[in-house]
Amino acid sequence: MIYIFIPFKSLELATNAFDGLRNDNDYASAGTDYLNAAYNDPPYSRMETILLKAFPLAPQMQLPSLKSAKKERVYELRSYESATELKFDNKVKMFNEGDEIGLFKKLNFNAIFYSEVVAGSKMPNLMYMTSFENKADRDEHWKTFGNDPYWKKLSAMPEYQNNVSHIDITFLYPTEYSDF
C-alpha cells in the first residue's frame, strides 16, 4: 500500500490538482506504462482519496526533525472514528481546546498533521500522523504519553468520555524518494 500526502492551500487547488497532470506531456511520457495499463492488468487494486481539513492549532503540515536513516523511521497514522458527529466534535475539541496537541508537542511526538476528515469512507473521524526515529522510540513515546499526568487528567474528564468508537493505527515507512 502506498500513501501520498499532498497539502493544498484551498479546496479549489485540491479538486484541480490532477487537471494539470492530464495536460502534462512529461508526465504522460514518463507514465506511459502506468497510464496505458491493460484493463485486465491494472497497476493497483483500488485508489482511495481522503480529504482532510487541518485543525485550527495545527494549520499546516510540519516536517519532522528526525535524524535516523529513512529505513529506520516510523510514521504512525491514526484514524479515530466517533459514533456521532457530536462525539466527533467533542474529540476534536479535546485535541484543540483540551490541548492534546500541546501534550504531543511537549512530548516531542514530531507530529506532521492533525485534521478532520471532510470526505472519506469512515466518517465522522479525525486523522493525525506522528513520526519517530524507530519503533523503540515510538513505543517509548507512547509509554510516556500514557503515564503523563496531564493526559491522565484530560482523559478522565467527564466531558471527554466515549468520544472515540474505533481507532485504526497504520505504521508507515518512508521510501528513499520521500520528502521526510
Foldseek 3Di string as FASTA:
>chain_A
DDDDDDDDPDPVCVVCVCVVLVVDPVNCVVCVCQVPPDPVDHPDDDDWDWDWQFQPVFRAFDDFPEDADLQFKKKKKKKFAFPDPVLQVLVSCCVPVVVPVVVCVVLRQRKGTKTATPDGDGPRIIMTMGMDNHPVRVVVSVVCLVPDPSNVVSQPDPSNPRSTDDMDIDMDGDDPPDPD
